[in-house]
C-alpha atoms as a PDB file:
ATOM      1  CA  MET A   1      -1.600 -15.555  30.760  1.00  0.00           C
ATOM      2  CA  SER A   2      -2.706 -18.202  28.272  1.00  0.00           C
ATOM      3  CA  PHE A   3      -5.273 -15.732  26.847  1.00  0.00           C
ATOM      4  CA  SER A   4      -2.577 -13.193  25.900  1.00  0.00           C
ATOM      5  CA  MET A   5      -0.477 -15.937  24.350  1.00  0.00           C
ATOM      6  CA  ARG A   6      -3.372 -16.975  22.122  1.00  0.00           C
ATOM      7  CA  ALA A   7      -4.064 -13.365  21.223  1.00  0.00           C
ATOM      8  CA  SER A   8      -0.408 -12.903  20.373  1.00  0.00           C
ATOM      9  CA  GLN A   9      -0.385 -15.991  18.181  1.00  0.00           C
ATOM     10  CA  ARG A  10      -3.539 -14.826  16.415  1.00  0.00           C
ATOM     11  CA  HIS A  11      -1.953 -11.399  15.884  1.00  0.00           C
ATOM     12  CA  TRP A  12       1.062 -12.900  14.098  1.00  0.00           C
ATOM     13  CA  LEU A  13      -1.085 -15.229  12.015  1.00  0.00           C
ATOM     14  CA  GLU A  14      -3.235 -12.300  10.894  1.00  0.00           C
ATOM     15  CA  ALA A  15      -0.138 -10.239  10.151  1.00  0.00           C
ATOM     16  CA  GLY A  16       1.265 -13.029   8.001  1.00  0.00           C
ATOM     17  CA  LEU A  17      -1.964 -13.345   6.049  1.00  0.00           C
ATOM     18  CA  LEU A  18      -2.069  -9.608   5.534  1.00  0.00           C
ATOM     19  CA  LEU A  19       1.506  -9.642   4.237  1.00  0.00           C
ATOM     20  CA  ILE A  20       0.569 -12.284   1.688  1.00  0.00           C
ATOM     21  CA  ALA A  21      -2.330 -10.116   0.539  1.00  0.00           C
ATOM     22  CA  LEU A  22      -0.095  -7.059   0.251  1.00  0.00           C
ATOM     23  CA  VAL A  23       2.474  -8.892  -1.859  1.00  0.00           C
ATOM     24  CA  SER A  24      -0.203 -10.380  -4.117  1.00  0.00           C
ATOM     25  CA  LEU A  25      -1.451  -6.922  -5.104  1.00  0.00           C
ATOM     26  CA  ARG A  26       1.590  -6.269  -7.307  1.00  0.00           C
ATOM     27  CA  GLU A  27      -0.472  -6.160 -10.473  1.00  0.00           C
ATOM     28  CA  PRO A  28      -0.374  -3.432 -13.107  1.00  0.00           C
ATOM     29  CA  VAL A  29      -3.218  -0.999 -13.567  1.00  0.00           C
ATOM     30  CA  VAL A  30      -5.046  -1.779 -16.789  1.00  0.00           C
ATOM     31  CA  ALA A  31      -7.241   1.112 -17.796  1.00  0.00           C
ATOM     32  CA  ALA A  32      -9.718   0.284 -20.541  1.00  0.00           C
ATOM     33  CA  ASN A  33     -10.712   2.950 -23.048  1.00  0.00           C
ATOM     34  CA  LEU A  34      -7.384   4.784 -22.907  1.00  0.00           C
ATOM     35  CA  SER A  35      -5.853   6.089 -26.084  1.00  0.00           C
ATOM     36  CA  ARG A  36      -2.898   4.084 -27.344  1.00  0.00           C
ATOM     37  CA  ALA A  37      -0.555   6.911 -26.394  1.00  0.00           C
ATOM     38  CA  ASP A  38      -1.928   7.118 -22.846  1.00  0.00           C
ATOM     39  CA  GLN A  39      -1.857   3.321 -22.455  1.00  0.00           C
ATOM     40  CA  ALA A  40       1.770   3.232 -23.674  1.00  0.00           C
ATOM     41  CA  LYS A  41       2.718   6.021 -21.274  1.00  0.00           C
ATOM     42  CA  LEU A  42       0.937   4.275 -18.380  1.00  0.00           C
ATOM     43  CA  SER A  43       2.659   0.969 -19.175  1.00  0.00           C
ATOM     44  CA  SER A  44       6.030   2.715 -19.292  1.00  0.00           C
ATOM     45  CA  LEU A  45       5.414   4.433 -15.949  1.00  0.00           C
ATOM     46  CA  GLN A  46       4.326   1.153 -14.377  1.00  0.00           C
ATOM     47  CA  GLN A  47       7.371  -0.672 -15.717  1.00  0.00           C
ATOM     48  CA  LYS A  48       9.734   1.985 -14.339  1.00  0.00           C
ATOM     49  CA  THR A  49       7.926   1.944 -10.996  1.00  0.00           C
ATOM     50  CA  ASP A  50       8.143  -1.841 -10.772  1.00  0.00           C
ATOM     51  CA  GLU A  51      11.854  -1.870 -11.674  1.00  0.00           C
ATOM     52  CA  LEU A  52      12.662   0.675  -8.976  1.00  0.00           C
ATOM     53  CA  ASP A  53      10.398  -1.081  -6.477  1.00  0.00           C
ATOM     54  CA  HIS A  54      12.090  -4.443  -7.068  1.00  0.00           C
ATOM     55  CA  ALA A  55      15.487  -2.754  -6.698  1.00  0.00           C
ATOM     56  CA  GLY A  56      14.407  -1.365  -3.314  1.00  0.00           C
ATOM     57  CA  LYS A  57      14.525   2.227  -4.609  1.00  0.00           C
ATOM     58  CA  TYR A  58      11.133   3.185  -3.221  1.00  0.00           C
ATOM     59  CA  ARG A  59      11.896   6.872  -2.903  1.00  0.00           C
ATOM     60  CA  ASP A  60      12.797   7.013  -6.608  1.00  0.00           C
ATOM     61  CA  ALA A  61       9.699   5.031  -7.586  1.00  0.00           C
ATOM     62  CA  ILE A  62       7.245   7.298  -5.752  1.00  0.00           C
ATOM     63  CA  PRO A  63       7.244  10.271  -8.185  1.00  0.00           C
ATOM     64  CA  ILE A  64       6.802   7.903 -11.121  1.00  0.00           C
ATOM     65  CA  ALA A  65       3.892   6.152  -9.403  1.00  0.00           C
ATOM     66  CA  GLN A  66       2.417   9.596  -8.676  1.00  0.00           C
ATOM     67  CA  ASP A  67       2.617  10.402 -12.397  1.00  0.00           C
ATOM     68  CA  ALA A  68       0.848   7.128 -13.204  1.00  0.00           C
ATOM     69  CA  LEU A  69      -1.904   7.974 -10.708  1.00  0.00           C
ATOM     70  CA  LYS A  70      -2.341  11.454 -12.220  1.00  0.00           C
ATOM     71  CA  LEU A  71      -2.610   9.961 -15.714  1.00  0.00           C
ATOM     72  CA  VAL A  72      -5.246   7.434 -14.645  1.00  0.00           C
ATOM     73  CA  GLU A  73      -7.180  10.087 -12.706  1.00  0.00           C
ATOM     74  CA  SER A  74      -7.213  12.456 -15.671  1.00  0.00           C
ATOM     75  CA  THR A  75      -8.413   9.804 -18.106  1.00  0.00           C
ATOM     76  CA  LYS A  76     -10.609   7.508 -15.979  1.00  0.00           C
ATOM     77  CA  GLY A  77     -11.596   9.782 -13.097  1.00  0.00           C
ATOM     78  CA  PRO A  78     -10.367  10.044  -9.506  1.00  0.00           C
ATOM     79  CA  GLU A  79     -12.917   7.548  -8.124  1.00  0.00           C
ATOM     80  CA  SER A  80     -12.424   4.880 -10.807  1.00  0.00           C
ATOM     81  CA  LEU A  81     -11.303   1.353 -10.053  1.00  0.00           C
ATOM     82  CA  GLU A  82      -8.118   2.007 -12.040  1.00  0.00           C
ATOM     83  CA  SER A  83      -7.347   5.066  -9.898  1.00  0.00           C
ATOM     84  CA  GLY A  84      -7.902   2.913  -6.833  1.00  0.00           C
ATOM     85  CA  ALA A  85      -5.401   0.334  -8.103  1.00  0.00           C
ATOM     86  CA  ALA A  86      -2.874   3.111  -8.740  1.00  0.00           C
ATOM     87  CA  CYS A  87      -3.512   4.381  -5.183  1.00  0.00           C
ATOM     88  CA  ASP A  88      -2.807   0.879  -3.859  1.00  0.00           C
ATOM     89  CA  LYS A  89       0.523   0.796  -5.707  1.00  0.00           C
ATOM     90  CA  LEU A  90       1.554   4.259  -4.518  1.00  0.00           C
ATOM     91  CA  GLY A  91       0.418   3.422  -0.990  1.00  0.00           C
ATOM     92  CA  ALA A  92       2.599   0.293  -1.026  1.00  0.00           C
ATOM     93  CA  LEU A  93       5.615   2.374  -2.053  1.00  0.00           C
ATOM     94  CA  TYR A  94       4.991   4.840   0.763  1.00  0.00           C
ATOM     95  CA  LEU A  95       4.592   1.927   3.178  1.00  0.00           C
ATOM     96  CA  GLU A  96       7.868   0.388   2.016  1.00  0.00           C
ATOM     97  CA  ASN A  97       9.499   3.791   2.424  1.00  0.00           C
ATOM     98  CA  GLY A  98       8.157   4.041   5.995  1.00  0.00           C
ATOM     99  CA  ASP A  99       5.850   6.981   5.259  1.00  0.00           C
ATOM    100  CA  PHE A 100       2.725   5.602   6.920  1.00  0.00           C
ATOM    101  CA  ASN A 101       0.852   8.924   6.982  1.00  0.00           C
ATOM    102  CA  LYS A 102       0.956   9.166   3.188  1.00  0.00           C
ATOM    103  CA  ALA A 103       0.123   5.493   2.651  1.00  0.00           C
ATOM    104  CA  GLU A 104      -3.042   5.506   4.747  1.00  0.00           C
ATOM    105  CA  PRO A 105      -5.223   7.930   2.719  1.00  0.00           C
ATOM    106  CA  LEU A 106      -4.185   6.180  -0.499  1.00  0.00           C
ATOM    107  CA  TYR A 107      -5.167   2.775   0.885  1.00  0.00           C
ATOM    108  CA  GLU A 108      -8.466   4.228   2.146  1.00  0.00           C
ATOM    109  CA  ARG A 109      -9.177   5.705  -1.271  1.00  0.00           C
ATOM    110  CA  ALA A 110      -8.363   2.411  -2.982  1.00  0.00           C
ATOM    111  CA  LEU A 111     -10.763   0.630  -0.644  1.00  0.00           C
ATOM    112  CA  ARG A 112     -13.566   3.124  -1.389  1.00  0.00           C
ATOM    113  CA  SER A 113     -13.124   2.763  -5.150  1.00  0.00           C
ATOM    114  CA  SER A 114     -13.108  -1.058  -4.907  1.00  0.00           C
ATOM    115  CA  GLU A 115     -16.227  -1.085  -2.750  1.00  0.00           C
ATOM    116  CA  LYS A 116     -17.999   1.303  -5.111  1.00  0.00           C
ATOM    117  CA  ALA A 117     -17.046  -0.474  -8.334  1.00  0.00           C
ATOM    118  CA  LEU A 118     -17.007  -4.113  -7.238  1.00  0.00           C
ATOM    119  CA  GLY A 119     -18.927  -4.347  -3.970  1.00  0.00           C
ATOM    120  CA  ARG A 120     -17.874  -5.257  -0.461  1.00  0.00           C
ATOM    121  CA  GLU A 121     -17.655  -9.006  -1.110  1.00  0.00           C
ATOM    122  CA  HIS A 122     -15.264  -8.901  -4.087  1.00  0.00           C
ATOM    123  CA  SER A 123     -11.764 -10.317  -3.580  1.00  0.00           C
ATOM    124  CA  ARG A 124     -10.094  -7.137  -4.819  1.00  0.00           C
ATOM    125  CA  THR A 125     -12.026  -5.159  -2.212  1.00  0.00           C
ATOM    126  CA  GLY A 126     -10.794  -7.648   0.361  1.00  0.00           C
ATOM    127  CA  THR A 127      -7.226  -7.108  -0.812  1.00  0.00           C
ATOM    128  CA  SER A 128      -7.617  -3.345  -0.429  1.00  0.00           C
ATOM    129  CA  LEU A 129      -9.030  -3.855   3.048  1.00  0.00           C
ATOM    130  CA  ASN A 130      -6.129  -6.160   3.928  1.00  0.00           C
ATOM    131  CA  ASN A 131      -3.619  -3.568   2.709  1.00  0.00           C
ATOM    132  CA  LEU A 132      -5.170  -0.977   4.992  1.00  0.00           C
ATOM    133  CA  ALA A 133      -5.225  -3.455   7.882  1.00  0.00           C
ATOM    134  CA  TRP A 134      -1.573  -4.399   7.298  1.00  0.00           C
ATOM    135  CA  LEU A 135      -0.645  -0.719   7.424  1.00  0.00           C
ATOM    136  CA  SER A 136      -2.458  -0.489  10.759  1.00  0.00           C
ATOM    137  CA  VAL A 137      -0.549  -3.487  12.126  1.00  0.00           C
ATOM    138  CA  ILE A 138       2.793  -2.034  11.049  1.00  0.00           C
ATOM    139  CA  TRP A 139       1.930   1.430  12.348  1.00  0.00           C
ATOM    140  CA  LEU A 140       0.744   0.049  15.688  1.00  0.00           C
ATOM    141  CA  SER A 141       3.889  -2.058  16.052  1.00  0.00           C
ATOM    142  CA  PHE A 142       6.072   0.924  15.188  1.00  0.00           C
ATOM    143  CA  THR A 143       4.359   3.301  17.610  1.00  0.00           C
ATOM    144  CA  GLN A 144       4.409   0.737  20.412  1.00  0.00           C
ATOM    145  CA  THR A 145       8.105  -0.069  20.007  1.00  0.00           C
ATOM    146  CA  LEU A 146       9.336   3.488  19.421  1.00  0.00           C
ATOM    147  CA  PRO A 147       9.448   4.488  23.131  1.00  0.00           C
ATOM    148  CA  THR A 148      11.371   1.320  23.989  1.00  0.00           C
ATOM    149  CA  THR A 149      13.791   1.926  21.133  1.00  0.00           C
ATOM    150  CA  ARG A 150      14.373   5.502  22.261  1.00  0.00           C
ATOM    151  CA  ARG A 151      14.930   4.341  25.834  1.00  0.00           C
ATOM    152  CA  LEU A 152      17.435   1.734  24.649  1.00  0.00           C
ATOM    153  CA  ASN A 153      19.221   4.339  22.531  1.00  0.00           C
ATOM    154  CA  HIS A 154      19.506   6.693  25.524  1.00  0.00           C
ATOM    155  CA  SER A 155      20.811   3.927  27.771  1.00  0.00           C
ATOM    156  CA  ILE A 156      23.494   3.043  25.225  1.00  0.00           C
ATOM    157  CA  ASN A 157      24.444   6.504  23.988  1.00  0.00           C
ATOM    158  CA  GLY A 158      23.329   8.694  26.869  1.00  0.00           C
ATOM    159  CA  PRO A 159      20.746  11.509  26.729  1.00  0.00           C
END
């Protein structure tokens, strides 16, 4: 029994560290070599996304973050570090909105672009890896508690 208690404690410690990493990623995408017009548009999209995100309006922020990702992809390329950062932002919005299936491929893509551009040992690559791991922790917790929640709902409200 003491083994499972230690494992449980380790699980929550890791989850807390992953949450810190997820929150620390809230940085804007800065794409070098963009035209002034594209950089202004990207900054505007990021500002709108951040405002909606901070207001808890994740669903409203998602299409704007998608537009920012499309702009970065079209100017810097889909595998660029900047596209990866935009994927991280969009993935975080999907995660906050509870859409884990859409967040996962974005986090995976962000990780690949960080590894390719910066290497496996870079802190930004570690942050991308932590974001993907945090998603896994949340998804696992959700899927494990869903049957119990359904059972509780049926016992309270009937079948």
